[in-house]
Amino acid sequence: AIEVKISSSSDIDELIEEIPEDLLPFFEVPNDVDVRGMIAAIAGENSQGGAAAKIRCGGVTPDAIPASDTIAAFLHACSLGGVMFKATAGLHHPVRAEYPLSYEDDAPRGVMHGFLNVFMAAALVRSSQISMDDTITLLEETDASAFTFTKDSASWRGRDLSLVQFAKARETFCLSYGSCSFEEPVDDLRSLGLL
């Protein structure tokens, strides 16, 4: 795979010619524009051999964290276009909350998106079980007990997904996420009793 930052749909057409066919390109869309045209262009490349999208969900300053409606619009556009994606930056913790934005002693703080929020939202969007407004509400969920997991299902406030549905979303839609830390996500999941 290779990751490439884009600023417009035309970037995709230009860059796709430069990328070797044996690499899956992830086109990182900006967080401050309507991305539907870019997602549609990525969807068009899927018929030519494959392409995926990437969204940054945070950074080391509060202004680098996209609003929940931005992430929701990205998820719905990707689902509509049948575009796989990865989410990176800022997803250090399972559930949305305020945290320091870096490991410096005097780091600024901000409300970081949770990776459970993002991936539960993605799976529910992909299975057509959630509206745009409810996607935003899920992305803004701060109560860890709102997420429940059994050996057969995962749910958020009564919206259930079978493990088969969740696995299908994971394999064909929400491929991965990135975090600067391996230990923080694992430690947080352990503290919630999920690992």
N, C-alpha and C. Protein backbone atom coordinates (compact mmCIF):
# COMPACT_ATOMS: atom_id res chain seq x y z
N ALA A 1 0.85 -1.19 0.00
CA ALA A 1 0.00 0.00 0.00
C ALA A 1 0.89 1.24 0.00
N ILE A 2 0.30 2.33 -0.44
CA ILE A 2 0.96 3.63 -0.39
C ILE A 2 -0.09 4.67 -0.04
N GLU A 3 0.31 5.67 0.74
CA GLU A 3 -0.60 6.74 1.14
C GLU A 3 -0.20 8.03 0.44
N VAL A 4 -1.20 8.73 -0.11
CA VAL A 4 -0.94 9.96 -0.85
C VAL A 4 -1.97 10.99 -0.44
N LYS A 5 -1.49 12.18 -0.08
CA LYS A 5 -2.39 13.28 0.28
C LYS A 5 -2.89 13.95 -1.00
N ILE A 6 -4.19 14.22 -1.04
CA ILE A 6 -4.77 14.90 -2.20
C ILE A 6 -5.54 16.14 -1.75
N SER A 7 -5.77 17.05 -2.70
CA SER A 7 -6.57 18.23 -2.40
C SER A 7 -7.76 18.38 -3.34
N SER A 8 -7.81 17.54 -4.39
CA SER A 8 -8.93 17.61 -5.34
C SER A 8 -9.07 16.28 -6.07
N SER A 9 -10.19 16.10 -6.74
CA SER A 9 -10.43 14.88 -7.52
C SER A 9 -9.41 14.72 -8.64
N SER A 10 -8.99 15.83 -9.22
CA SER A 10 -8.03 15.74 -10.34
C SER A 10 -6.69 15.19 -9.88
N ASP A 11 -6.35 15.38 -8.61
CA ASP A 11 -5.10 14.80 -8.09
C ASP A 11 -5.09 13.28 -8.25
N ILE A 12 -6.25 12.67 -8.07
CA ILE A 12 -6.34 11.20 -8.15
C ILE A 12 -5.98 10.73 -9.54
N ASP A 13 -6.56 11.37 -10.55
CA ASP A 13 -6.27 10.99 -11.94
C ASP A 13 -4.79 11.13 -12.26
N GLU A 14 -4.17 12.21 -11.78
CA GLU A 14 -2.76 12.43 -12.06
C GLU A 14 -1.88 11.43 -11.33
N LEU A 15 -2.18 11.20 -10.06
CA LEU A 15 -1.32 10.35 -9.23
C LEU A 15 -1.46 8.87 -9.54
N ILE A 16 -2.64 8.45 -9.96
CA ILE A 16 -2.87 7.02 -10.18
C ILE A 16 -1.94 6.48 -11.26
N GLU A 17 -1.57 7.33 -12.21
CA GLU A 17 -0.66 6.93 -13.28
C GLU A 17 0.75 6.68 -12.76
N GLU A 18 1.11 7.32 -11.66
CA GLU A 18 2.46 7.22 -11.09
C GLU A 18 2.62 6.03 -10.14
N ILE A 19 1.50 5.48 -9.67
CA ILE A 19 1.55 4.45 -8.63
C ILE A 19 1.61 3.07 -9.27
N PRO A 20 2.60 2.26 -8.89
CA PRO A 20 2.68 0.91 -9.46
C PRO A 20 1.41 0.11 -9.19
N GLU A 21 1.04 -0.73 -10.14
CA GLU A 21 -0.22 -1.48 -10.05
C GLU A 21 -0.27 -2.44 -8.88
N ASP A 22 0.89 -2.86 -8.38
CA ASP A 22 0.89 -3.81 -7.27
C ASP A 22 0.75 -3.13 -5.90
N LEU A 23 0.59 -1.81 -5.87
CA LEU A 23 0.38 -1.08 -4.63
C LEU A 23 -1.06 -0.58 -4.56
N LEU A 24 -1.69 -0.74 -3.40
CA LEU A 24 -3.02 -0.19 -3.18
C LEU A 24 -2.86 1.24 -2.68
N PRO A 25 -3.32 2.23 -3.45
CA PRO A 25 -3.19 3.61 -2.97
C PRO A 25 -4.32 3.98 -2.01
N PHE A 26 -3.94 4.63 -0.92
CA PHE A 26 -4.89 5.24 0.00
C PHE A 26 -4.78 6.74 -0.20
N PHE A 27 -5.83 7.35 -0.72
CA PHE A 27 -5.83 8.78 -0.98
C PHE A 27 -6.37 9.51 0.24
N GLU A 28 -5.50 10.30 0.88
CA GLU A 28 -5.90 11.04 2.08
C GLU A 28 -6.64 12.31 1.68
N VAL A 29 -7.90 12.38 2.08
CA VAL A 29 -8.74 13.52 1.73
C VAL A 29 -8.60 14.61 2.78
N PRO A 30 -8.76 15.87 2.37
CA PRO A 30 -8.70 16.96 3.35
C PRO A 30 -9.94 16.95 4.24
N ASN A 31 -9.79 17.51 5.43
CA ASN A 31 -10.90 17.53 6.39
C ASN A 31 -11.72 18.81 6.34
N ASP A 32 -11.38 19.72 5.45
CA ASP A 32 -12.04 21.02 5.46
C ASP A 32 -12.84 21.31 4.19
N VAL A 33 -13.15 20.27 3.42
CA VAL A 33 -13.95 20.44 2.20
C VAL A 33 -14.95 19.30 2.08
N ASP A 34 -15.91 19.48 1.18
CA ASP A 34 -16.85 18.40 0.86
C ASP A 34 -16.08 17.36 0.05
N VAL A 35 -15.98 16.15 0.57
CA VAL A 35 -15.13 15.12 -0.05
C VAL A 35 -15.88 14.20 -1.01
N ARG A 36 -17.17 14.44 -1.22
CA ARG A 36 -17.94 13.50 -2.04
C ARG A 36 -17.38 13.32 -3.44
N GLY A 37 -16.91 14.39 -4.08
CA GLY A 37 -16.34 14.27 -5.41
C GLY A 37 -15.06 13.45 -5.40
N MET A 38 -14.23 13.64 -4.38
CA MET A 38 -12.99 12.88 -4.28
C MET A 38 -13.28 11.40 -4.02
N ILE A 39 -14.27 11.13 -3.17
CA ILE A 39 -14.63 9.74 -2.89
C ILE A 39 -15.20 9.10 -4.15
N ALA A 40 -15.98 9.85 -4.92
CA ALA A 40 -16.51 9.32 -6.18
C ALA A 40 -15.37 9.01 -7.15
N ALA A 41 -14.35 9.85 -7.19
CA ALA A 41 -13.20 9.59 -8.07
C ALA A 41 -12.45 8.34 -7.61
N ILE A 42 -12.31 8.16 -6.31
CA ILE A 42 -11.66 6.95 -5.79
C ILE A 42 -12.50 5.73 -6.15
N ALA A 43 -13.81 5.85 -6.03
CA ALA A 43 -14.70 4.74 -6.41
C ALA A 43 -14.51 4.37 -7.87
N GLY A 44 -14.32 5.38 -8.72
CA GLY A 44 -14.08 5.12 -10.14
C GLY A 44 -12.80 4.34 -10.38
N GLU A 45 -11.81 4.56 -9.54
CA GLU A 45 -10.54 3.82 -9.67
C GLU A 45 -10.69 2.37 -9.23
N ASN A 46 -11.69 2.08 -8.40
CA ASN A 46 -11.88 0.70 -7.95
C ASN A 46 -12.14 -0.24 -9.11
N SER A 47 -12.81 0.25 -10.14
CA SER A 47 -13.07 -0.59 -11.30
C SER A 47 -11.81 -0.78 -12.15
N GLN A 48 -10.80 0.03 -11.89
CA GLN A 48 -9.55 -0.05 -12.65
C GLN A 48 -8.45 -0.84 -11.93
N GLY A 49 -8.77 -1.41 -10.79
CA GLY A 49 -7.75 -2.18 -10.07
C GLY A 49 -7.66 -1.87 -8.60
N GLY A 50 -8.34 -0.84 -8.15
CA GLY A 50 -8.41 -0.61 -6.73
C GLY A 50 -7.77 0.65 -6.22
N ALA A 51 -8.46 1.28 -5.32
CA ALA A 51 -7.98 2.44 -4.60
C ALA A 51 -8.82 2.54 -3.34
N ALA A 52 -8.32 3.24 -2.36
CA ALA A 52 -9.02 3.40 -1.09
C ALA A 52 -8.83 4.83 -0.61
N ALA A 53 -9.58 5.18 0.44
CA ALA A 53 -9.51 6.52 1.00
C ALA A 53 -8.85 6.48 2.38
N LYS A 54 -8.41 7.65 2.81
CA LYS A 54 -7.82 7.79 4.14
C LYS A 54 -8.31 9.09 4.75
N ILE A 55 -8.63 9.04 6.04
CA ILE A 55 -9.01 10.25 6.76
C ILE A 55 -8.16 10.38 8.01
N ARG A 56 -7.71 11.59 8.26
CA ARG A 56 -6.97 11.89 9.50
C ARG A 56 -7.99 12.33 10.54
N CYS A 57 -7.94 11.71 11.71
CA CYS A 57 -8.92 11.98 12.76
C CYS A 57 -8.36 12.79 13.92
N GLY A 58 -7.15 13.31 13.77
CA GLY A 58 -6.58 14.10 14.85
C GLY A 58 -5.22 14.65 14.50
N GLY A 59 -4.55 15.14 15.53
CA GLY A 59 -3.22 15.73 15.38
C GLY A 59 -2.75 16.24 16.73
N VAL A 60 -1.70 17.03 16.72
CA VAL A 60 -1.11 17.49 17.98
C VAL A 60 -1.62 18.87 18.41
N THR A 61 -2.57 19.42 17.67
CA THR A 61 -3.23 20.66 18.07
C THR A 61 -4.74 20.46 17.94
N PRO A 62 -5.53 21.12 18.77
CA PRO A 62 -6.98 20.92 18.71
C PRO A 62 -7.60 21.18 17.34
N ASP A 63 -7.05 22.14 16.59
CA ASP A 63 -7.62 22.45 15.28
C ASP A 63 -7.37 21.35 14.25
N ALA A 64 -6.51 20.40 14.55
CA ALA A 64 -6.24 19.27 13.64
C ALA A 64 -7.28 18.16 13.78
N ILE A 65 -8.14 18.26 14.77
CA ILE A 65 -9.17 17.24 15.00
C ILE A 65 -10.42 17.61 14.22
N PRO A 66 -10.81 16.78 13.25
CA PRO A 66 -12.00 17.12 12.47
C PRO A 66 -13.27 16.99 13.29
N ALA A 67 -14.26 17.76 12.93
CA ALA A 67 -15.56 17.69 13.59
C ALA A 67 -16.21 16.33 13.29
N SER A 68 -17.09 15.92 14.17
CA SER A 68 -17.77 14.64 13.99
C SER A 68 -18.58 14.60 12.70
N ASP A 69 -19.17 15.73 12.32
CA ASP A 69 -19.95 15.71 11.07
C ASP A 69 -19.06 15.52 9.85
N THR A 70 -17.80 15.94 9.93
CA THR A 70 -16.84 15.72 8.84
C THR A 70 -16.55 14.22 8.69
N ILE A 71 -16.30 13.55 9.81
CA ILE A 71 -16.04 12.11 9.76
C ILE A 71 -17.29 11.36 9.32
N ALA A 72 -18.45 11.77 9.81
CA ALA A 72 -19.70 11.12 9.42
C ALA A 72 -19.93 11.24 7.91
N ALA A 73 -19.71 12.44 7.37
CA ALA A 73 -19.89 12.64 5.92
C ALA A 73 -18.92 11.77 5.14
N PHE A 74 -17.69 11.65 5.61
CA PHE A 74 -16.69 10.78 4.97
C PHE A 74 -17.17 9.33 4.99
N LEU A 75 -17.63 8.83 6.12
CA LEU A 75 -18.09 7.44 6.23
C LEU A 75 -19.26 7.17 5.28
N HIS A 76 -20.22 8.08 5.25
CA HIS A 76 -21.39 7.89 4.38
C HIS A 76 -21.00 7.97 2.90
N ALA A 77 -20.10 8.87 2.55
CA ALA A 77 -19.65 8.96 1.15
C ALA A 77 -18.91 7.70 0.74
N CYS A 78 -18.04 7.19 1.61
CA CYS A 78 -17.31 5.96 1.30
C CYS A 78 -18.28 4.79 1.15
N SER A 79 -19.26 4.70 2.03
CA SER A 79 -20.22 3.60 1.94
C SER A 79 -21.01 3.68 0.64
N LEU A 80 -21.49 4.87 0.31
CA LEU A 80 -22.25 5.06 -0.92
C LEU A 80 -21.44 4.69 -2.15
N GLY A 81 -20.15 5.03 -2.14
CA GLY A 81 -19.29 4.74 -3.28
C GLY A 81 -18.65 3.36 -3.25
N GLY A 82 -18.86 2.61 -2.18
CA GLY A 82 -18.21 1.30 -2.06
C GLY A 82 -16.70 1.42 -1.94
N VAL A 83 -16.24 2.47 -1.25
CA VAL A 83 -14.82 2.76 -1.12
C VAL A 83 -14.31 2.32 0.25
N MET A 84 -13.27 1.51 0.26
CA MET A 84 -12.62 1.10 1.50
C MET A 84 -11.83 2.29 2.05
N PHE A 85 -11.59 2.27 3.38
CA PHE A 85 -10.83 3.38 3.95
C PHE A 85 -10.01 2.92 5.14
N LYS A 86 -9.08 3.80 5.51
CA LYS A 86 -8.36 3.68 6.77
C LYS A 86 -8.47 5.02 7.47
N ALA A 87 -8.42 4.99 8.80
CA ALA A 87 -8.48 6.20 9.60
C ALA A 87 -7.19 6.28 10.42
N THR A 88 -6.57 7.44 10.43
CA THR A 88 -5.30 7.57 11.15
C THR A 88 -5.30 8.84 12.00
N ALA A 89 -4.28 8.98 12.79
CA ALA A 89 -4.00 10.17 13.60
C ALA A 89 -5.05 10.40 14.67
N GLY A 90 -4.61 10.40 15.90
CA GLY A 90 -5.48 10.76 17.00
C GLY A 90 -6.33 9.65 17.57
N LEU A 91 -6.31 8.48 16.97
CA LEU A 91 -7.17 7.39 17.46
C LEU A 91 -6.40 6.52 18.46
N HIS A 92 -6.00 7.13 19.56
CA HIS A 92 -5.21 6.42 20.57
C HIS A 92 -6.09 5.71 21.58
N HIS A 93 -7.34 6.14 21.71
CA HIS A 93 -8.21 5.65 22.77
C HIS A 93 -9.50 5.07 22.20
N PRO A 94 -10.09 4.11 22.89
CA PRO A 94 -11.29 3.46 22.36
C PRO A 94 -12.50 4.39 22.25
N VAL A 95 -12.69 5.25 23.26
CA VAL A 95 -13.91 6.06 23.33
C VAL A 95 -13.55 7.53 23.40
N ARG A 96 -14.33 8.33 22.75
CA ARG A 96 -14.13 9.78 22.68
C ARG A 96 -14.02 10.38 24.09
N ALA A 97 -13.01 11.23 24.27
CA ALA A 97 -12.82 11.94 25.54
C ALA A 97 -11.73 12.98 25.34
N GLU A 98 -11.55 13.81 26.36
CA GLU A 98 -10.47 14.80 26.32
C GLU A 98 -9.18 14.18 26.82
N TYR A 99 -8.11 14.41 26.07
CA TYR A 99 -6.79 13.86 26.40
C TYR A 99 -5.72 14.87 25.98
N PRO A 100 -4.49 14.71 26.51
CA PRO A 100 -3.37 15.48 25.96
C PRO A 100 -3.14 15.05 24.51
N LEU A 101 -2.77 15.98 23.64
CA LEU A 101 -2.64 15.69 22.21
C LEU A 101 -1.24 15.24 21.81
N SER A 102 -0.32 15.22 22.75
CA SER A 102 1.01 14.65 22.50
C SER A 102 1.54 14.15 23.84
N TYR A 103 2.75 13.67 23.83
CA TYR A 103 3.34 13.11 25.04
C TYR A 103 4.22 14.12 25.78
N GLU A 104 4.21 15.36 25.34
CA GLU A 104 4.96 16.42 26.01
C GLU A 104 4.27 16.78 27.33
N ASP A 105 5.05 17.23 28.31
CA ASP A 105 4.48 17.58 29.62
C ASP A 105 3.45 18.70 29.53
N ASP A 106 3.67 19.67 28.67
CA ASP A 106 2.77 20.82 28.55
C ASP A 106 1.90 20.74 27.29
N ALA A 107 1.60 19.54 26.86
CA ALA A 107 0.84 19.34 25.62
C ALA A 107 -0.55 19.96 25.70
N PRO A 108 -1.00 20.54 24.59
CA PRO A 108 -2.38 21.01 24.57
C PRO A 108 -3.33 19.82 24.69
N ARG A 109 -4.52 20.07 25.17
CA ARG A 109 -5.52 19.02 25.32
C ARG A 109 -6.63 19.24 24.29
N GLY A 110 -7.31 18.17 23.96
CA GLY A 110 -8.43 18.27 23.04
C GLY A 110 -9.30 17.03 23.15
N VAL A 111 -10.50 17.12 22.63
CA VAL A 111 -11.40 15.97 22.62
C VAL A 111 -11.04 15.12 21.42
N MET A 112 -10.52 13.92 21.70
CA MET A 112 -10.07 13.01 20.66
C MET A 112 -11.17 12.02 20.31
N HIS A 113 -11.26 11.67 19.04
CA HIS A 113 -12.21 10.65 18.60
C HIS A 113 -11.76 9.29 19.10
N GLY A 114 -12.71 8.43 19.42
CA GLY A 114 -12.40 7.08 19.86
C GLY A 114 -12.43 6.11 18.69
N PHE A 115 -11.52 5.14 18.69
CA PHE A 115 -11.52 4.19 17.58
C PHE A 115 -12.74 3.26 17.63
N LEU A 116 -13.28 2.97 18.81
CA LEU A 116 -14.54 2.21 18.84
C LEU A 116 -15.67 3.02 18.22
N ASN A 117 -15.71 4.31 18.54
CA ASN A 117 -16.73 5.18 17.94
C ASN A 117 -16.66 5.14 16.42
N VAL A 118 -15.44 5.34 15.89
CA VAL A 118 -15.27 5.43 14.43
C VAL A 118 -15.62 4.10 13.76
N PHE A 119 -15.13 2.98 14.32
CA PHE A 119 -15.35 1.71 13.64
C PHE A 119 -16.75 1.15 13.85
N MET A 120 -17.36 1.42 14.99
CA MET A 120 -18.77 1.03 15.16
C MET A 120 -19.64 1.85 14.20
N ALA A 121 -19.35 3.14 14.11
CA ALA A 121 -20.10 3.98 13.17
C ALA A 121 -19.93 3.48 11.75
N ALA A 122 -18.71 3.17 11.36
CA ALA A 122 -18.45 2.68 10.00
C ALA A 122 -19.22 1.40 9.72
N ALA A 123 -19.18 0.46 10.64
CA ALA A 123 -19.87 -0.81 10.43
C ALA A 123 -21.37 -0.62 10.35
N LEU A 124 -21.93 0.27 11.17
CA LEU A 124 -23.37 0.53 11.11
C LEU A 124 -23.74 1.28 9.83
N VAL A 125 -22.90 2.21 9.41
CA VAL A 125 -23.14 2.91 8.14
C VAL A 125 -23.12 1.90 7.00
N ARG A 126 -22.12 1.04 6.98
CA ARG A 126 -21.96 0.07 5.88
C ARG A 126 -23.14 -0.90 5.82
N SER A 127 -23.71 -1.24 6.97
CA SER A 127 -24.85 -2.16 6.97
C SER A 127 -26.19 -1.42 6.86
N SER A 128 -26.12 -0.13 6.53
CA SER A 128 -27.31 0.72 6.31
C SER A 128 -28.22 0.75 7.53
N GLN A 129 -27.65 0.79 8.71
CA GLN A 129 -28.45 0.79 9.93
C GLN A 129 -28.44 2.12 10.67
N ILE A 130 -27.85 3.15 10.07
CA ILE A 130 -27.70 4.38 10.83
C ILE A 130 -27.75 5.60 9.90
N SER A 131 -28.46 6.63 10.35
CA SER A 131 -28.58 7.87 9.58
C SER A 131 -27.36 8.75 9.81
N MET A 132 -27.27 9.83 9.06
CA MET A 132 -26.18 10.78 9.24
C MET A 132 -26.21 11.37 10.65
N ASP A 133 -27.39 11.79 11.10
CA ASP A 133 -27.50 12.39 12.44
C ASP A 133 -27.08 11.40 13.52
N ASP A 134 -27.52 10.15 13.40
CA ASP A 134 -27.16 9.14 14.40
C ASP A 134 -25.67 8.79 14.31
N THR A 135 -25.10 8.87 13.13
CA THR A 135 -23.66 8.64 12.98
C THR A 135 -22.89 9.69 13.76
N ILE A 136 -23.30 10.93 13.65
CA ILE A 136 -22.66 12.01 14.40
C ILE A 136 -22.80 11.77 15.90
N THR A 137 -24.01 11.39 16.33
CA THR A 137 -24.24 11.11 17.75
C THR A 137 -23.33 9.99 18.24
N LEU A 138 -23.19 8.94 17.45
CA LEU A 138 -22.31 7.83 17.83
C LEU A 138 -20.85 8.29 17.90
N LEU A 139 -20.42 9.07 16.93
CA LEU A 139 -19.03 9.57 16.95
C LEU A 139 -18.77 10.44 18.17
N GLU A 140 -19.80 11.07 18.70
CA GLU A 140 -19.64 11.95 19.86
C GLU A 140 -19.94 11.23 21.19
N GLU A 141 -20.21 9.95 21.14
CA GLU A 141 -20.48 9.17 22.35
C GLU A 141 -19.26 9.17 23.27
N THR A 142 -19.49 9.48 24.56
CA THR A 142 -18.40 9.47 25.54
C THR A 142 -18.60 8.42 26.63
N ASP A 143 -19.71 7.72 26.59
CA ASP A 143 -20.01 6.71 27.60
C ASP A 143 -19.58 5.34 27.09
N ALA A 144 -18.52 4.79 27.67
CA ALA A 144 -18.01 3.49 27.22
C ALA A 144 -19.04 2.39 27.38
N SER A 145 -19.94 2.52 28.36
CA SER A 145 -20.95 1.47 28.57
C SER A 145 -22.01 1.44 27.46
N ALA A 146 -22.02 2.45 26.60
CA ALA A 146 -22.95 2.45 25.46
C ALA A 146 -22.56 1.42 24.41
N PHE A 147 -21.31 0.96 24.48
CA PHE A 147 -20.80 -0.05 23.56
C PHE A 147 -20.81 -1.40 24.29
N THR A 148 -21.46 -2.38 23.70
CA THR A 148 -21.48 -3.70 24.32
C THR A 148 -21.03 -4.75 23.31
N PHE A 149 -20.34 -5.75 23.83
CA PHE A 149 -19.79 -6.80 23.00
C PHE A 149 -20.09 -8.14 23.63
N THR A 150 -20.55 -9.08 22.80
CA THR A 150 -20.73 -10.46 23.24
C THR A 150 -19.91 -11.32 22.29
N LYS A 151 -19.97 -12.63 22.50
CA LYS A 151 -19.22 -13.51 21.59
C LYS A 151 -19.86 -13.55 20.20
N ASP A 152 -21.09 -13.06 20.07
CA ASP A 152 -21.80 -13.11 18.79
C ASP A 152 -22.12 -11.76 18.17
N SER A 153 -21.97 -10.67 18.94
CA SER A 153 -22.40 -9.38 18.40
C SER A 153 -21.65 -8.22 19.05
N ALA A 154 -21.80 -7.08 18.39
CA ALA A 154 -21.31 -5.81 18.92
C ALA A 154 -22.46 -4.83 18.76
N SER A 155 -22.63 -3.93 19.73
CA SER A 155 -23.74 -3.00 19.61
C SER A 155 -23.41 -1.66 20.25
N TRP A 156 -24.15 -0.67 19.81
CA TRP A 156 -24.11 0.67 20.39
C TRP A 156 -25.54 1.08 20.66
N ARG A 157 -25.87 1.27 21.91
CA ARG A 157 -27.21 1.71 22.34
C ARG A 157 -28.33 0.94 21.63
N GLY A 158 -28.17 -0.38 21.61
CA GLY A 158 -29.22 -1.24 21.06
C GLY A 158 -29.16 -1.46 19.56
N ARG A 159 -28.24 -0.84 18.88
CA ARG A 159 -28.07 -1.10 17.45
C ARG A 159 -27.04 -2.21 17.31
N ASP A 160 -27.53 -3.39 16.96
CA ASP A 160 -26.70 -4.59 16.98
C ASP A 160 -26.14 -4.92 15.60
N LEU A 161 -24.92 -5.41 15.65
CA LEU A 161 -24.27 -5.99 14.47
C LEU A 161 -23.80 -7.38 14.86
N SER A 162 -24.10 -8.35 14.02
CA SER A 162 -23.55 -9.67 14.27
C SER A 162 -22.04 -9.62 14.02
N LEU A 163 -21.34 -10.57 14.57
CA LEU A 163 -19.90 -10.60 14.31
C LEU A 163 -19.61 -10.81 12.83
N VAL A 164 -20.50 -11.51 12.13
CA VAL A 164 -20.33 -11.68 10.69
C VAL A 164 -20.44 -10.32 9.99
N GLN A 165 -21.43 -9.51 10.37
CA GLN A 165 -21.57 -8.17 9.77
C GLN A 165 -20.35 -7.31 10.09
N PHE A 166 -19.91 -7.38 11.34
CA PHE A 166 -18.76 -6.58 11.75
C PHE A 166 -17.51 -7.03 11.00
N ALA A 167 -17.32 -8.33 10.89
CA ALA A 167 -16.15 -8.85 10.16
C ALA A 167 -16.20 -8.46 8.69
N LYS A 168 -17.38 -8.50 8.10
CA LYS A 168 -17.52 -8.11 6.69
C LYS A 168 -17.14 -6.64 6.51
N ALA A 169 -17.61 -5.78 7.42
CA ALA A 169 -17.26 -4.36 7.34
C ALA A 169 -15.76 -4.19 7.48
N ARG A 170 -15.16 -4.94 8.39
CA ARG A 170 -13.71 -4.84 8.64
C ARG A 170 -12.90 -5.31 7.43
N GLU A 171 -13.39 -6.31 6.74
CA GLU A 171 -12.65 -6.86 5.59
C GLU A 171 -12.85 -6.06 4.31
N THR A 172 -13.99 -5.41 4.17
CA THR A 172 -14.33 -4.79 2.89
C THR A 172 -14.57 -3.29 2.95
N PHE A 173 -14.52 -2.70 4.14
CA PHE A 173 -14.87 -1.28 4.24
C PHE A 173 -13.90 -0.52 5.14
N CYS A 174 -13.97 -0.73 6.43
CA CYS A 174 -13.10 -0.02 7.37
C CYS A 174 -11.90 -0.90 7.67
N LEU A 175 -10.85 -0.72 6.86
CA LEU A 175 -9.73 -1.65 6.84
C LEU A 175 -8.80 -1.54 8.05
N SER A 176 -8.48 -0.33 8.47
CA SER A 176 -7.51 -0.22 9.56
C SER A 176 -7.53 1.19 10.13
N TYR A 177 -6.84 1.32 11.26
CA TYR A 177 -6.65 2.65 11.82
C TYR A 177 -5.22 2.76 12.32
N GLY A 178 -4.77 3.99 12.43
CA GLY A 178 -3.41 4.21 12.89
C GLY A 178 -3.40 4.95 14.21
N SER A 179 -2.43 4.63 15.03
CA SER A 179 -2.22 5.30 16.31
C SER A 179 -0.71 5.45 16.50
N CYS A 180 -0.30 6.52 17.15
CA CYS A 180 1.12 6.71 17.46
C CYS A 180 1.58 5.75 18.54
N SER A 181 0.64 5.13 19.21
CA SER A 181 0.96 4.26 20.34
C SER A 181 0.31 2.90 20.16
N PHE A 182 1.06 1.85 20.46
CA PHE A 182 0.47 0.51 20.52
C PHE A 182 -0.08 0.25 21.91
N GLU A 183 0.61 0.75 22.93
CA GLU A 183 0.25 0.44 24.30
C GLU A 183 -1.02 1.15 24.76
N GLU A 184 -1.21 2.42 24.42
CA GLU A 184 -2.40 3.14 24.87
C GLU A 184 -3.70 2.46 24.48
N PRO A 185 -3.90 2.12 23.20
CA PRO A 185 -5.16 1.44 22.85
C PRO A 185 -5.35 0.12 23.59
N VAL A 186 -4.29 -0.65 23.71
CA VAL A 186 -4.38 -1.95 24.38
C VAL A 186 -4.68 -1.76 25.86
N ASP A 187 -3.96 -0.84 26.51
CA ASP A 187 -4.19 -0.59 27.94
C ASP A 187 -5.61 -0.10 28.19
N ASP A 188 -6.10 0.80 27.34
CA ASP A 188 -7.46 1.31 27.51
C ASP A 188 -8.50 0.21 27.32
N LEU A 189 -8.30 -0.63 26.31
CA LEU A 189 -9.24 -1.75 26.11
C LEU A 189 -9.23 -2.70 27.31
N ARG A 190 -8.06 -2.92 27.86
CA ARG A 190 -7.98 -3.76 29.08
C ARG A 190 -8.72 -3.12 30.24
N SER A 191 -8.54 -1.82 30.41
CA SER A 191 -9.20 -1.14 31.54
C SER A 191 -10.72 -1.15 31.39
N LEU A 192 -11.21 -1.23 30.16
CA LEU A 192 -12.66 -1.33 29.91
C LEU A 192 -13.16 -2.77 29.96
N GLY A 193 -12.24 -3.72 30.16
CA GLY A 193 -12.63 -5.12 30.22
C GLY A 193 -12.92 -5.73 28.86
N LEU A 194 -12.42 -5.10 27.79
CA LEU A 194 -12.68 -5.59 26.44
C LEU A 194 -11.55 -6.45 25.90
N LEU A 195 -10.44 -6.51 26.60
CA LEU A 195 -9.33 -7.39 26.24
C LEU A 195 -8.96 -8.23 27.43
